[in-house]
Structures are given as C-alpha cells and as structure tokens.
Amino acid sequence: MVTVVEDTLEQQMEGRIARLESDVTHMRTDIADLKLDVREIRVEVTTLNKSVSDLRDEMHTSFVKVDARFAEMGGKFDSRFAAMEGKFDSRFAEMGGKFDSRFAEMEGKFDSRFAGVDGRFTAVDSELALLESRIDRKFLEVKLWMGGLLLTMLGVMAHGFKWL
C-alpha cells in the first residue's frame, strides 16, 4: 500500500513539474517578445529624438530671424516716435498757452458772477441748522410719547393678566 501511495505522489509531482516546465517555456517566449518590442521602441525613440533635435534647430533659426526683424522694426518705430513726439510737444506747448489765457478769462468771469453766492449759501446754512435743531426736538418728543404709550400698554396688560 505504501508503494501505491508513493506511485500516486510521484505521478502528481511529475504532473506538476511538467506544468511548471510548460509555464517556464511560455514565460521565456513572452520575455523574448518583450525584448524584441523594447528593441523596436529604442529604434523609434532614437528616430524621434533626431526629429525633435532637428525641429529644435529649425525653431531656433526661425526665432533668430524673428528677433532680428523685431529689432529692425523697433528701431523704425523709435525713430518715428521721436519725430512725432517733437511735433506733439511743440503743438501742445502752443495749445497750452491758448488754454491758459482762455482759462484765466473764464475764471475772471466766474469770480465776478459768483461773488454774491457765498452770502446766499451762508443764509441757507443757517436756515438748515435751525431746521435741524427743530427736527431733533420733535424727534425727542416722539420718542417720549412712544415710551409713554408703551408703558401705558404694559400697565394695561399687567392688569389684564393680573400680574399686578
């Protein structure tokens, strides 16, 4: 009986070993496929790196040209701006003199017309101060009346609820 059990165990072990050998064979095949894929990817990455390097060089050349063009245009704008600035400065100086004389003339007219307005505003200010004091007094009176009415209502309620 011991031999039967041993034979059965050996058969089971042989089956397991055969299965492991089969799995190892599949794994070796998969690893070989992965190595091939990695080699292909390396070739593609090398090609891509070359393309990116070429593109970077082309862009650098283009940017150098664009920078030169901007510098050239900047010089033209600066010279034209300086010429326009001179024209504007002289024109503004001329207009400033005219505005100053017109403003002085207008200021004299306003001063003569509004000389009496200050006295009128002083009278209006005093009237407003008087009205403000009257309103304050009336407001105090209203507060006192409302307080008295409130106390009266509380007294009536206290009697009605027999609190007192």
C-alpha atoms as a PDB file:
ATOM      1  CA  MET A   1       0.000   0.000   0.000  1.00  0.00           C
ATOM      2  CA  VAL A   2       2.867   2.280   0.650  1.00  0.00           C
ATOM      3  CA  THR A   3       4.101   1.795  -2.867  1.00  0.00           C
ATOM      4  CA  VAL A   4       0.708   2.702  -4.309  1.00  0.00           C
ATOM      5  CA  VAL A   5       0.703   5.941  -2.354  1.00  0.00           C
ATOM      6  CA  GLU A   6       4.280   6.664  -3.413  1.00  0.00           C
ATOM      7  CA  ASP A   7       3.429   6.000  -7.065  1.00  0.00           C
ATOM      8  CA  THR A   8       0.458   8.338  -6.815  1.00  0.00           C
ATOM      9  CA  LEU A   9       2.592  11.057  -5.225  1.00  0.00           C
ATOM     10  CA  GLU A  10       5.256  10.607  -7.918  1.00  0.00           C
ATOM     11  CA  GLN A  11       2.657  10.925 -10.653  1.00  0.00           C
ATOM     12  CA  GLN A  12       1.285  14.071  -9.056  1.00  0.00           C
ATOM     13  CA  MET A  13       4.789  15.524  -8.734  1.00  0.00           C
ATOM     14  CA  GLU A  14       5.636  14.676 -12.347  1.00  0.00           C
ATOM     15  CA  GLY A  15       2.427  16.346 -13.499  1.00  0.00           C
ATOM     16  CA  ARG A  16       3.265  19.460 -11.507  1.00  0.00           C
ATOM     17  CA  ILE A  17       6.833  19.529 -12.816  1.00  0.00           C
ATOM     18  CA  ALA A  18       5.572  19.147 -16.403  1.00  0.00           C
ATOM     19  CA  ARG A  19       3.180  22.024 -15.807  1.00  0.00           C
ATOM     20  CA  LEU A  20       5.990  24.205 -14.364  1.00  0.00           C
ATOM     21  CA  GLU A  21       8.224  23.409 -17.353  1.00  0.00           C
ATOM     22  CA  SER A  22       5.381  24.391 -19.694  1.00  0.00           C
ATOM     23  CA  ASP A  23       4.848  27.667 -17.790  1.00  0.00           C
ATOM     24  CA  VAL A  24       8.600  28.417 -17.911  1.00  0.00           C
ATOM     25  CA  THR A  25       8.571  27.843 -21.678  1.00  0.00           C
ATOM     26  CA  HIS A  26       5.685  30.287 -22.089  1.00  0.00           C
ATOM     27  CA  MET A  27       7.473  32.823 -19.894  1.00  0.00           C
ATOM     28  CA  ARG A  28      10.657  32.524 -21.989  1.00  0.00           C
ATOM     29  CA  THR A  29       8.632  33.139 -25.135  1.00  0.00           C
ATOM     30  CA  ASP A  30       6.944  36.171 -23.572  1.00  0.00           C
ATOM     31  CA  ILE A  31      10.302  37.576 -22.393  1.00  0.00           C
ATOM     32  CA  ALA A  32      11.755  37.145 -25.886  1.00  0.00           C
ATOM     33  CA  ASP A  33       8.752  39.036 -27.318  1.00  0.00           C
ATOM     34  CA  LEU A  34       9.232  41.817 -24.757  1.00  0.00           C
ATOM     35  CA  LYS A  35      12.936  42.118 -25.635  1.00  0.00           C
ATOM     36  CA  LEU A  36      12.044  42.421 -29.310  1.00  0.00           C
ATOM     37  CA  ASP A  37       9.448  45.102 -28.505  1.00  0.00           C
ATOM     38  CA  VAL A  38      11.985  47.036 -26.403  1.00  0.00           C
ATOM     39  CA  ARG A  39      14.498  46.965 -29.287  1.00  0.00           C
ATOM     40  CA  GLU A  40      11.857  48.308 -31.666  1.00  0.00           C
ATOM     41  CA  ILE A  41      10.915  51.039 -29.197  1.00  0.00           C
ATOM     42  CA  ARG A  42      14.576  52.035 -28.833  1.00  0.00           C
ATOM     43  CA  VAL A  43      14.859  52.476 -32.601  1.00  0.00           C
ATOM     44  CA  GLU A  44      11.667  54.566 -32.652  1.00  0.00           C
ATOM     45  CA  VAL A  45      12.840  56.703 -29.709  1.00  0.00           C
ATOM     46  CA  THR A  46      16.179  57.323 -31.417  1.00  0.00           C
ATOM     47  CA  THR A  47      14.355  58.410 -34.581  1.00  0.00           C
ATOM     48  CA  LEU A  48      12.022  60.609 -32.541  1.00  0.00           C
ATOM     49  CA  ASN A  49      14.963  62.209 -30.697  1.00  0.00           C
ATOM     50  CA  LYS A  50      16.595  63.042 -34.039  1.00  0.00           C
ATOM     51  CA  SER A  51      13.345  64.567 -35.314  1.00  0.00           C
ATOM     52  CA  VAL A  52      12.921  66.648 -32.152  1.00  0.00           C
ATOM     53  CA  SER A  53      16.537  67.812 -32.357  1.00  0.00           C
ATOM     54  CA  ASP A  54      16.076  68.849 -35.996  1.00  0.00           C
ATOM     55  CA  LEU A  55      12.837  70.655 -35.155  1.00  0.00           C
ATOM     56  CA  ARG A  56      14.516  72.457 -32.255  1.00  0.00           C
ATOM     57  CA  ASP A  57      17.324  73.616 -34.559  1.00  0.00           C
ATOM     58  CA  GLU A  58      14.821  74.853 -37.160  1.00  0.00           C
ATOM     59  CA  MET A  59      12.823  76.707 -34.495  1.00  0.00           C
ATOM     60  CA  HIS A  60      15.974  78.318 -33.103  1.00  0.00           C
ATOM     61  CA  THR A  61      16.930  79.536 -36.582  1.00  0.00           C
ATOM     62  CA  SER A  62      13.409  80.881 -37.131  1.00  0.00           C
ATOM     63  CA  PHE A  63      13.366  82.640 -33.768  1.00  0.00           C
ATOM     64  CA  VAL A  64      16.719  84.291 -34.500  1.00  0.00           C
ATOM     65  CA  LYS A  65      15.247  85.646 -37.755  1.00  0.00           C
ATOM     66  CA  VAL A  66      12.104  86.854 -35.974  1.00  0.00           C
ATOM     67  CA  ASP A  67      14.171  88.550 -33.249  1.00  0.00           C
ATOM     68  CA  ALA A  68      16.242  90.336 -35.890  1.00  0.00           C
ATOM     69  CA  ARG A  69      13.086  91.507 -37.658  1.00  0.00           C
ATOM     70  CA  PHE A  70      11.594  92.778 -34.392  1.00  0.00           C
ATOM     71  CA  ALA A  71      14.803  94.655 -33.602  1.00  0.00           C
ATOM     72  CA  GLU A  72      14.709  96.266 -37.047  1.00  0.00           C
ATOM     73  CA  MET A  73      11.065  97.275 -36.666  1.00  0.00           C
ATOM     74  CA  GLY A  74      11.713  98.523 -33.125  1.00  0.00           C
ATOM     75  CA  GLY A  75      14.381 100.886 -34.463  1.00  0.00           C
ATOM     76  CA  LYS A  76      11.974 102.224 -37.086  1.00  0.00           C
ATOM     77  CA  PHE A  77       9.233 102.729 -34.508  1.00  0.00           C
ATOM     78  CA  ASP A  78      11.629 104.508 -32.139  1.00  0.00           C
ATOM     79  CA  SER A  79      12.775 106.968 -34.816  1.00  0.00           C
ATOM     80  CA  ARG A  80       9.227 107.682 -35.973  1.00  0.00           C
ATOM     81  CA  PHE A  81       8.001 108.004 -32.412  1.00  0.00           C
ATOM     82  CA  ALA A  82      10.761 110.509 -31.599  1.00  0.00           C
ATOM     83  CA  ALA A  83       9.774 112.610 -34.627  1.00  0.00           C
ATOM     84  CA  MET A  84       6.087 112.526 -33.658  1.00  0.00           C
ATOM     85  CA  GLU A  85       6.938 113.332 -30.053  1.00  0.00           C
ATOM     86  CA  GLY A  86       8.729 116.511 -31.130  1.00  0.00           C
ATOM     87  CA  LYS A  87       5.746 117.605 -33.191  1.00  0.00           C
ATOM     88  CA  PHE A  88       3.316 116.865 -30.368  1.00  0.00           C
ATOM     89  CA  ASP A  89       5.429 118.713 -27.803  1.00  0.00           C
ATOM     90  CA  SER A  90       5.526 121.899 -29.875  1.00  0.00           C
ATOM     91  CA  ARG A  91       1.804 121.685 -30.672  1.00  0.00           C
ATOM     92  CA  PHE A  92       0.858 121.037 -27.023  1.00  0.00           C
ATOM     93  CA  ALA A  93       3.000 123.965 -25.860  1.00  0.00           C
ATOM     94  CA  GLU A  94       1.192 126.239 -28.305  1.00  0.00           C
ATOM     95  CA  MET A  95      -2.234 124.937 -27.254  1.00  0.00           C
ATOM     96  CA  GLY A  96      -1.280 125.155 -23.569  1.00  0.00           C
ATOM     97  CA  GLY A  97      -0.681 128.899 -23.895  1.00  0.00           C
ATOM     98  CA  LYS A  98      -4.066 129.368 -25.540  1.00  0.00           C
ATOM     99  CA  PHE A  99      -5.818 127.290 -22.882  1.00  0.00           C
ATOM    100  CA  ASP A 100      -4.136 129.231 -20.088  1.00  0.00           C
ATOM    101  CA  SER A 101      -5.286 132.568 -21.457  1.00  0.00           C
ATOM    102  CA  ARG A 102      -8.850 131.305 -22.061  1.00  0.00           C
ATOM    103  CA  PHE A 103      -8.965 129.740 -18.611  1.00  0.00           C
ATOM    104  CA  ALA A 104      -7.827 132.982 -16.943  1.00  0.00           C
ATOM    105  CA  GLU A 105     -10.527 134.854 -18.847  1.00  0.00           C
ATOM    106  CA  MET A 106     -13.223 132.351 -17.828  1.00  0.00           C
ATOM    107  CA  GLU A 107     -12.017 132.379 -14.219  1.00  0.00           C
ATOM    108  CA  GLY A 108     -12.406 136.167 -14.049  1.00  0.00           C
ATOM    109  CA  LYS A 109     -15.972 135.898 -15.369  1.00  0.00           C
ATOM    110  CA  PHE A 110     -16.897 133.201 -12.847  1.00  0.00           C
ATOM    111  CA  ASP A 111     -15.392 135.143  -9.958  1.00  0.00           C
ATOM    112  CA  SER A 112     -17.405 138.250 -10.847  1.00  0.00           C
ATOM    113  CA  ARG A 113     -20.678 136.330 -11.266  1.00  0.00           C
ATOM    114  CA  PHE A 114     -20.415 134.154  -8.176  1.00  0.00           C
ATOM    115  CA  ALA A 115     -19.147 136.747  -5.684  1.00  0.00           C
ATOM    116  CA  GLY A 116     -22.623 137.120  -4.102  1.00  0.00           C
ATOM    117  CA  VAL A 117     -23.329 133.397  -3.989  1.00  0.00           C
ATOM    118  CA  ASP A 118     -21.253 132.897  -0.830  1.00  0.00           C
ATOM    119  CA  GLY A 119     -23.565 135.180   1.157  1.00  0.00           C
ATOM    120  CA  ARG A 120     -26.603 133.269  -0.068  1.00  0.00           C
ATOM    121  CA  PHE A 121     -25.080 129.942   0.930  1.00  0.00           C
ATOM    122  CA  THR A 122     -24.321 131.287   4.415  1.00  0.00           C
ATOM    123  CA  ALA A 123     -28.000 132.220   4.842  1.00  0.00           C
ATOM    124  CA  VAL A 124     -29.090 128.785   3.604  1.00  0.00           C
ATOM    125  CA  ASP A 125     -26.651 127.101   6.013  1.00  0.00           C
ATOM    126  CA  SER A 126     -28.098 128.997   8.991  1.00  0.00           C
ATOM    127  CA  GLU A 127     -31.670 128.063   7.936  1.00  0.00           C
ATOM    128  CA  LEU A 128     -30.669 124.418   7.631  1.00  0.00           C
ATOM    129  CA  ALA A 129     -29.076 124.466  11.090  1.00  0.00           C
ATOM    130  CA  LEU A 130     -32.310 125.917  12.559  1.00  0.00           C
ATOM    131  CA  LEU A 131     -34.421 123.245  10.823  1.00  0.00           C
ATOM    132  CA  GLU A 132     -32.083 120.526  12.027  1.00  0.00           C
ATOM    133  CA  SER A 133     -32.425 121.639  15.665  1.00  0.00           C
ATOM    134  CA  ARG A 134     -36.250 121.718  15.318  1.00  0.00           C
ATOM    135  CA  ILE A 135     -36.268 118.206  13.818  1.00  0.00           C
ATOM    136  CA  ASP A 136     -34.085 116.935  16.666  1.00  0.00           C
ATOM    137  CA  ARG A 137     -36.511 118.389  19.226  1.00  0.00           C
ATOM    138  CA  LYS A 138     -39.549 116.875  17.509  1.00  0.00           C
ATOM    139  CA  PHE A 139     -37.806 113.520  17.271  1.00  0.00           C
ATOM    140  CA  LEU A 140     -37.155 113.593  21.018  1.00  0.00           C
ATOM    141  CA  GLU A 141     -40.817 114.429  21.638  1.00  0.00           C
ATOM    142  CA  VAL A 142     -41.944 111.496  19.514  1.00  0.00           C
ATOM    143  CA  LYS A 143     -39.627 109.163  21.424  1.00  0.00           C
ATOM    144  CA  LEU A 144     -41.045 110.362  24.747  1.00  0.00           C
ATOM    145  CA  TRP A 145     -44.658 109.882  23.552  1.00  0.00           C
ATOM    146  CA  MET A 146     -43.904 106.403  22.286  1.00  0.00           C
ATOM    147  CA  GLY A 147     -42.223 105.498  25.578  1.00  0.00           C
ATOM    148  CA  GLY A 148     -45.272 106.740  27.499  1.00  0.00           C
ATOM    149  CA  LEU A 149     -47.633 104.760  25.253  1.00  0.00           C
ATOM    150  CA  LEU A 150     -45.512 101.648  25.672  1.00  0.00           C
ATOM    151  CA  LEU A 151     -45.557 101.956  29.453  1.00  0.00           C
ATOM    152  CA  THR A 152     -49.322 102.507  29.403  1.00  0.00           C
ATOM    153  CA  MET A 153     -49.871  99.396  27.270  1.00  0.00           C
ATOM    154  CA  LEU A 154     -47.660  97.347  29.567  1.00  0.00           C
ATOM    155  CA  GLY A 155     -49.652  98.597  32.564  1.00  0.00           C
ATOM    156  CA  VAL A 156     -52.962  97.639  30.901  1.00  0.00           C
ATOM    157  CA  MET A 157     -51.575  94.215  30.009  1.00  0.00           C
ATOM    158  CA  ALA A 158     -50.255  93.706  33.532  1.00  0.00           C
ATOM    159  CA  HIS A 159     -53.738  94.426  34.961  1.00  0.00           C
ATOM    160  CA  GLY A 160     -55.413  92.257  32.317  1.00  0.00           C
ATOM    161  CA  PHE A 161     -53.164  89.272  33.044  1.00  0.00           C
ATOM    162  CA  LYS A 162     -53.400  90.032  36.763  1.00  0.00           C
ATOM    163  CA  TRP A 163     -49.691  90.471  37.182  1.00  0.00           C
ATOM    164  CA  LEU A 164     -50.310  93.436  39.466  1.00  0.00           C
END
